[in-house]
Amino acid sequence: MSIIRPGQTQPNEFELAILNRLTIKVPTVHSAFDQLHVLSRKYTGVGSYTNFHIGASSSDTSEQQISLDALITMPGVPNGMGAILFCKGSCLHCLEIFTHGDDRWDGVYDGFAIERNK
């Protein structure tokens, strides 16, 4: 069973799939993937927060949010899921994954798919 585990210091396949999809919108963020280190994960029952270590400070401290423009389908989550990536400059700060509607999510990501844009 594939589940988001707090002790993993590298992004898991679910997080990487979302991050790769997000870089289609903002390709400059992809360069940060090689140095990604997970500081913490928090499971909320309706999603999760994955916080990343922010590397060496850069002169660019602008904050941006990159929203996933596709639907994540997940067994047991009827209305699907979404995601937002929070960045500081070109550094990844936090990946928020959330359910739509009143759906609950137990953290298991077996069988997920990210639908193509229409």
C-alpha atoms as a PDB file:
ATOM      1  CA  MET A   1       0.000   0.000   0.000  1.00  0.00           C
ATOM      2  CA  SER A   2       1.383   3.427  -0.965  1.00  0.00           C
ATOM      3  CA  ILE A   3       0.849   5.998   1.733  1.00  0.00           C
ATOM      4  CA  ILE A   4       2.442   9.331   2.530  1.00  0.00           C
ATOM      5  CA  ARG A   5       4.755   8.564   5.419  1.00  0.00           C
ATOM      6  CA  PRO A   6       6.161  11.268   7.691  1.00  0.00           C
ATOM      7  CA  GLY A   7       9.695   9.810   7.816  1.00  0.00           C
ATOM      8  CA  GLN A   8      10.369   9.930   4.065  1.00  0.00           C
ATOM      9  CA  THR A   9      12.879  12.678   3.309  1.00  0.00           C
ATOM     10  CA  GLN A  10      12.436  12.462  -0.463  1.00  0.00           C
ATOM     11  CA  PRO A  11       9.207  13.235  -2.330  1.00  0.00           C
ATOM     12  CA  ASN A  12       7.202  10.086  -3.050  1.00  0.00           C
ATOM     13  CA  GLU A  13       5.838   9.101  -6.466  1.00  0.00           C
ATOM     14  CA  PHE A  14       2.505  10.852  -5.827  1.00  0.00           C
ATOM     15  CA  GLU A  15       4.138  14.139  -4.852  1.00  0.00           C
ATOM     16  CA  LEU A  16       6.602  13.910  -7.761  1.00  0.00           C
ATOM     17  CA  ALA A  17       3.790  13.302 -10.248  1.00  0.00           C
ATOM     18  CA  ILE A  18       2.013  16.433  -9.011  1.00  0.00           C
ATOM     19  CA  LEU A  19       5.241  18.474  -9.003  1.00  0.00           C
ATOM     20  CA  ASN A  20       6.098  17.358 -12.539  1.00  0.00           C
ATOM     21  CA  ARG A  21       2.627  18.376 -13.708  1.00  0.00           C
ATOM     22  CA  LEU A  22       2.977  21.770 -12.040  1.00  0.00           C
ATOM     23  CA  THR A  23       6.286  22.441 -13.790  1.00  0.00           C
ATOM     24  CA  ILE A  24       4.477  22.410 -17.125  1.00  0.00           C
ATOM     25  CA  LYS A  25       3.066  25.796 -16.049  1.00  0.00           C
ATOM     26  CA  VAL A  26       6.304  27.132 -14.507  1.00  0.00           C
ATOM     27  CA  PRO A  27       9.335  25.308 -15.971  1.00  0.00           C
ATOM     28  CA  THR A  28      11.880  27.263 -13.899  1.00  0.00           C
ATOM     29  CA  VAL A  29      10.718  25.429 -10.766  1.00  0.00           C
ATOM     30  CA  HIS A  30      11.871  22.083 -12.210  1.00  0.00           C
ATOM     31  CA  SER A  31      15.528  22.989 -11.580  1.00  0.00           C
ATOM     32  CA  ALA A  32      14.859  22.768  -7.818  1.00  0.00           C
ATOM     33  CA  PHE A  33      13.844  19.071  -8.031  1.00  0.00           C
ATOM     34  CA  ASP A  34      17.405  17.762  -7.728  1.00  0.00           C
ATOM     35  CA  GLN A  35      17.789  19.322  -4.302  1.00  0.00           C
ATOM     36  CA  LEU A  36      14.347  18.568  -2.866  1.00  0.00           C
ATOM     37  CA  HIS A  37      14.423  17.463   0.743  1.00  0.00           C
ATOM     38  CA  VAL A  38      11.201  16.912   2.666  1.00  0.00           C
ATOM     39  CA  LEU A  39      11.250  18.533   6.096  1.00  0.00           C
ATOM     40  CA  SER A  40       7.787  17.442   7.197  1.00  0.00           C
ATOM     41  CA  ARG A  41       4.432  16.106   6.122  1.00  0.00           C
ATOM     42  CA  LYS A  42       1.135  16.805   7.794  1.00  0.00           C
ATOM     43  CA  TYR A  43      -1.931  14.747   6.990  1.00  0.00           C
ATOM     44  CA  THR A  44      -5.217  16.581   7.647  1.00  0.00           C
ATOM     45  CA  GLY A  45      -7.883  13.997   6.789  1.00  0.00           C
ATOM     46  CA  VAL A  46      -8.861  16.037   3.725  1.00  0.00           C
ATOM     47  CA  GLY A  47      -5.377  16.438   2.287  1.00  0.00           C
ATOM     48  CA  SER A  48      -1.781  16.979   3.265  1.00  0.00           C
ATOM     49  CA  TYR A  49       1.015  19.522   3.494  1.00  0.00           C
ATOM     50  CA  THR A  50       4.535  18.578   2.405  1.00  0.00           C
ATOM     51  CA  ASN A  51       7.103  21.140   3.544  1.00  0.00           C
ATOM     52  CA  PHE A  52      10.440  21.287   1.750  1.00  0.00           C
ATOM     53  CA  HIS A  53      13.820  22.492   2.956  1.00  0.00           C
ATOM     54  CA  ILE A  54      14.566  25.815   1.337  1.00  0.00           C
ATOM     55  CA  GLY A  55      18.168  25.776   0.136  1.00  0.00           C
ATOM     56  CA  ALA A  56      20.624  28.630   0.045  1.00  0.00           C
ATOM     57  CA  SER A  57      18.870  31.954   0.107  1.00  0.00           C
ATOM     58  CA  SER A  58      18.617  33.732  -3.158  1.00  0.00           C
ATOM     59  CA  SER A  59      18.093  37.377  -3.881  1.00  0.00           C
ATOM     60  CA  ASP A  60      14.627  36.549  -5.217  1.00  0.00           C
ATOM     61  CA  THR A  61      12.293  36.255  -2.241  1.00  0.00           C
ATOM     62  CA  SER A  62       9.077  36.756  -4.178  1.00  0.00           C
ATOM     63  CA  GLU A  63       6.302  34.386  -3.227  1.00  0.00           C
ATOM     64  CA  GLN A  64       4.159  32.620  -5.773  1.00  0.00           C
ATOM     65  CA  GLN A  65       1.452  29.986  -5.756  1.00  0.00           C
ATOM     66  CA  ILE A  66       1.144  27.524  -8.609  1.00  0.00           C
ATOM     67  CA  SER A  67      -2.242  25.802  -8.795  1.00  0.00           C
ATOM     68  CA  LEU A  68      -2.683  22.429 -10.433  1.00  0.00           C
ATOM     69  CA  ASP A  69      -4.984  22.965 -13.420  1.00  0.00           C
ATOM     70  CA  ALA A  70      -5.983  19.317 -13.614  1.00  0.00           C
ATOM     71  CA  LEU A  71      -8.045  16.964 -11.480  1.00  0.00           C
ATOM     72  CA  ILE A  72      -6.375  14.263  -9.416  1.00  0.00           C
ATOM     73  CA  THR A  73      -8.581  11.195  -9.395  1.00  0.00           C
ATOM     74  CA  MET A  74      -8.206   8.912  -6.415  1.00  0.00           C
ATOM     75  CA  PRO A  75     -10.075   5.725  -5.483  1.00  0.00           C
ATOM     76  CA  GLY A  76     -12.385   6.515  -2.555  1.00  0.00           C
ATOM     77  CA  VAL A  77     -12.364  10.274  -3.219  1.00  0.00           C
ATOM     78  CA  PRO A  78     -15.470  10.810  -5.378  1.00  0.00           C
ATOM     79  CA  ASN A  79     -15.003  14.526  -6.139  1.00  0.00           C
ATOM     80  CA  GLY A  80     -11.272  14.296  -6.836  1.00  0.00           C
ATOM     81  CA  MET A  81      -8.373  16.300  -5.515  1.00  0.00           C
ATOM     82  CA  GLY A  82      -6.322  19.386  -6.281  1.00  0.00           C
ATOM     83  CA  ALA A  83      -2.942  20.808  -5.336  1.00  0.00           C
ATOM     84  CA  ILE A  84      -1.123  24.104  -4.866  1.00  0.00           C
ATOM     85  CA  LEU A  85       2.642  24.584  -4.764  1.00  0.00           C
ATOM     86  CA  PHE A  86       3.957  27.483  -2.701  1.00  0.00           C
ATOM     87  CA  CYS A  87       7.346  28.863  -3.775  1.00  0.00           C
ATOM     88  CA  LYS A  88       9.736  31.486  -2.481  1.00  0.00           C
ATOM     89  CA  GLY A  89      11.739  32.720  -5.416  1.00  0.00           C
ATOM     90  CA  SER A  90      12.735  29.597  -7.329  1.00  0.00           C
ATOM     91  CA  CYS A  91      12.681  27.456  -4.156  1.00  0.00           C
ATOM     92  CA  LEU A  92       9.838  25.058  -3.458  1.00  0.00           C
ATOM     93  CA  HIS A  93       8.392  25.729  -0.031  1.00  0.00           C
ATOM     94  CA  CYS A  94       5.201  23.683   0.458  1.00  0.00           C
ATOM     95  CA  LEU A  95       2.963  21.363  -1.549  1.00  0.00           C
ATOM     96  CA  GLU A  96      -0.653  21.394  -0.414  1.00  0.00           C
ATOM     97  CA  ILE A  97      -2.848  18.517  -1.617  1.00  0.00           C
ATOM     98  CA  PHE A  98      -6.576  18.732  -0.902  1.00  0.00           C
ATOM     99  CA  THR A  99      -9.883  17.018  -1.614  1.00  0.00           C
ATOM    100  CA  HIS A 100     -12.815  18.735  -3.292  1.00  0.00           C
ATOM    101  CA  GLY A 101     -16.180  18.926  -1.571  1.00  0.00           C
ATOM    102  CA  ASP A 102     -16.578  17.164   1.744  1.00  0.00           C
ATOM    103  CA  ASP A 103     -14.490  14.152   0.716  1.00  0.00           C
ATOM    104  CA  ARG A 104     -12.067  12.563   3.151  1.00  0.00           C
ATOM    105  CA  TRP A 105      -8.704  11.099   2.167  1.00  0.00           C
ATOM    106  CA  ASP A 106      -6.784   8.565   4.239  1.00  0.00           C
ATOM    107  CA  GLY A 107      -3.345   9.316   2.721  1.00  0.00           C
ATOM    108  CA  VAL A 108      -3.247   6.200   0.524  1.00  0.00           C
ATOM    109  CA  TYR A 109      -2.421   7.137  -3.073  1.00  0.00           C
ATOM    110  CA  ASP A 110      -2.617   3.772  -4.869  1.00  0.00           C
ATOM    111  CA  GLY A 111      -4.472   4.116  -8.165  1.00  0.00           C
ATOM    112  CA  PHE A 112      -4.231   7.907  -8.483  1.00  0.00           C
ATOM    113  CA  ALA A 113      -4.285   9.599 -11.865  1.00  0.00           C
ATOM    114  CA  ILE A 114      -3.883  13.182 -12.947  1.00  0.00           C
ATOM    115  CA  GLU A 115      -6.362  13.944 -15.708  1.00  0.00           C
ATOM    116  CA  ARG A 116      -5.249  15.758 -18.805  1.00  0.00           C
ATOM    117  CA  ASN A 117      -6.265  19.371 -19.305  1.00  0.00           C
ATOM    118  CA  LYS A 118      -9.316  19.737 -21.480  1.00  0.00           C
END
